[in-house]
Amino acid sequence: MDGTEVRAALAKNIKTLRSRRDWSQADLAEKSGLSIVYLSDIERGNKWPYLDTFVKIAEAFNVEIYELLMPENKQPAAKTNVLKKYNEEVKAIIEKSFETAKKHTLQSLSTMQDQYKAK
C-alpha cells in the first residue's frame, strides 16, 4: 500500500465514520477540536494529519488510530455489530434462564398443591 492509498483510505474511513454517526464535518470539528477546513482537506486527501490530529479524530469517533488507516476490505467488524451479537447472546441466555425458572416454579407449585390436597 503506497502513500496515496493510505491517504485515500484515511479520507474514506473518516467520511464513513461520520456517515454512520450522521455527523457533519462541523460535528466532527466540534468533537475533535479541529477546524472544518482542516478536516475537509484531510477528507479530500489534500492534507496529511500530524499524530496528535490522528489522536483527536480517533477519540472523537471512539476508535483506535489504526482503524482510520485500514483499507475498506480489511476493516475490523464494527463495534456495533459485536455489541449487537453480544446483546443477542445475553438476551438468549436470559430467556433460557426465565424459561428454566418458570418450569421449576410450576413444578414446585404443582408439588405444593398435591401436598396440600393430600392433607
Protein backbone atom coordinates (compact mmCIF):
# COMPACT_ATOMS: atom_id res chain seq x y z
CA MET A 1 0.00 0.00 0.00
CA ASP A 2 1.56 3.30 -1.03
CA GLY A 3 1.10 6.76 0.47
CA THR A 4 -1.68 7.70 -1.92
CA GLU A 5 -3.67 4.60 -1.00
CA VAL A 6 -3.19 5.24 2.73
CA ARG A 7 -4.33 8.84 2.30
CA ALA A 8 -7.38 7.65 0.32
CA ALA A 9 -8.20 5.06 3.00
CA LEU A 10 -7.97 7.72 5.71
CA ALA A 11 -10.28 10.04 3.78
CA LYS A 12 -12.81 7.29 3.10
CA ASN A 13 -12.75 5.99 6.67
CA ILE A 14 -13.36 9.43 8.15
CA LYS A 15 -16.27 10.00 5.75
CA THR A 16 -17.67 6.56 6.53
CA LEU A 17 -17.40 7.02 10.30
CA ARG A 18 -19.07 10.43 10.04
CA SER A 19 -21.82 8.99 7.87
CA ARG A 20 -22.50 6.09 10.27
CA ARG A 21 -22.98 8.60 13.07
CA ASP A 22 -24.88 11.05 10.89
CA TRP A 23 -22.28 13.74 11.66
CA SER A 24 -21.43 16.70 9.52
CA GLN A 25 -17.87 17.96 9.23
CA ALA A 26 -18.91 20.66 11.70
CA ASP A 27 -19.96 17.97 14.20
CA LEU A 28 -16.61 16.22 13.86
CA ALA A 29 -14.79 19.55 14.11
CA GLU A 30 -16.59 20.32 17.36
CA LYS A 31 -15.94 16.87 18.85
CA SER A 32 -12.28 16.76 17.80
CA GLY A 33 -11.34 20.39 18.34
CA LEU A 34 -10.11 20.69 14.75
CA SER A 35 -11.20 23.18 12.12
CA ILE A 36 -13.75 22.27 9.46
CA VAL A 37 -11.37 23.46 6.75
CA TYR A 38 -8.56 21.22 8.04
CA LEU A 39 -10.88 18.19 8.32
CA SER A 40 -12.18 18.87 4.81
CA ASP A 41 -8.61 18.91 3.49
CA ILE A 42 -7.90 15.59 5.21
CA GLU A 43 -11.10 14.05 3.82
CA ARG A 44 -10.18 15.17 0.30
CA GLY A 45 -6.67 13.75 0.69
CA ASN A 46 -5.06 17.18 0.43
CA LYS A 47 -3.52 17.19 3.91
CA TRP A 48 -1.78 14.56 5.97
CA PRO A 49 -2.52 14.96 9.69
CA TYR A 50 0.06 15.06 12.46
CA LEU A 51 -0.06 12.28 15.04
CA ASP A 52 -1.87 14.45 17.60
CA THR A 53 -4.53 15.11 14.96
CA PHE A 54 -4.96 11.38 14.40
CA VAL A 55 -5.46 11.01 18.14
CA LYS A 56 -8.11 13.75 18.22
CA ILE A 57 -10.02 12.25 15.31
CA ALA A 58 -9.84 8.72 16.71
CA GLU A 59 -11.00 9.90 20.13
CA ALA A 60 -13.89 11.82 18.58
CA PHE A 61 -15.05 8.63 16.85
CA ASN A 62 -14.10 6.41 19.80
CA VAL A 63 -11.98 4.16 17.56
CA GLU A 64 -8.35 3.10 17.51
CA ILE A 65 -5.97 5.12 15.32
CA TYR A 66 -5.18 2.13 13.12
CA GLU A 67 -8.87 1.89 12.19
CA LEU A 68 -8.58 5.26 10.48
CA LEU A 69 -5.86 3.93 8.18
CA MET A 70 -7.07 0.45 7.32
CA PRO A 71 -8.28 -0.23 3.78
CA GLU A 72 -12.01 -0.80 3.50
CA ASN A 73 -11.66 -4.52 2.73
CA LYS A 74 -9.58 -5.06 5.89
CA GLN A 75 -11.70 -3.14 8.41
CA PRO A 76 -12.42 -4.99 11.65
CA ALA A 77 -16.01 -5.84 12.46
CA ALA A 78 -17.87 -2.76 13.53
CA LYS A 79 -18.15 -2.44 17.28
CA THR A 80 -21.89 -2.06 16.90
CA ASN A 81 -22.04 -5.48 15.22
CA VAL A 82 -20.04 -7.03 18.04
CA LEU A 83 -22.25 -5.37 20.65
CA LYS A 84 -25.39 -6.40 18.76
CA LYS A 85 -24.25 -10.03 18.70
CA TYR A 86 -23.35 -9.84 22.41
CA ASN A 87 -26.75 -8.34 23.18
CA GLU A 88 -28.49 -11.17 21.29
CA GLU A 89 -26.46 -13.80 23.13
CA VAL A 90 -27.23 -12.27 26.53
CA LYS A 91 -30.91 -11.99 25.64
CA ALA A 92 -31.00 -15.68 24.67
CA ILE A 93 -29.32 -16.67 27.95
CA ILE A 94 -31.78 -14.59 29.96
CA GLU A 95 -34.77 -16.01 28.08
CA LYS A 96 -33.50 -19.54 28.67
CA SER A 97 -32.98 -18.75 32.35
CA PHE A 98 -36.53 -17.42 32.65
CA GLU A 99 -37.92 -20.49 30.92
CA THR A 100 -35.97 -22.75 33.30
CA ALA A 101 -37.09 -20.73 36.32
CA LYS A 102 -40.70 -20.81 35.09
CA LYS A 103 -40.54 -24.58 34.61
CA HIS A 104 -39.11 -25.13 38.11
CA THR A 105 -41.61 -22.74 39.67
CA LEU A 106 -44.55 -24.53 38.05
CA GLN A 107 -43.18 -27.89 39.18
CA SER A 108 -42.79 -26.59 42.74
CA LEU A 109 -46.29 -25.14 42.76
CA SER A 110 -47.70 -28.39 41.43
CA THR A 111 -45.89 -30.37 44.14
CA MET A 112 -47.09 -27.96 46.84
CA GLN A 113 -50.65 -28.19 45.52
CA ASP A 114 -50.51 -32.00 45.56
CA GLN A 115 -49.19 -31.96 49.15
CA TYR A 116 -51.91 -29.53 50.23
CA LYS A 117 -54.64 -31.73 48.66
CA ALA A 118 -53.20 -34.80 50.39
CA LYS A 119 -53.70 -33.24 53.84
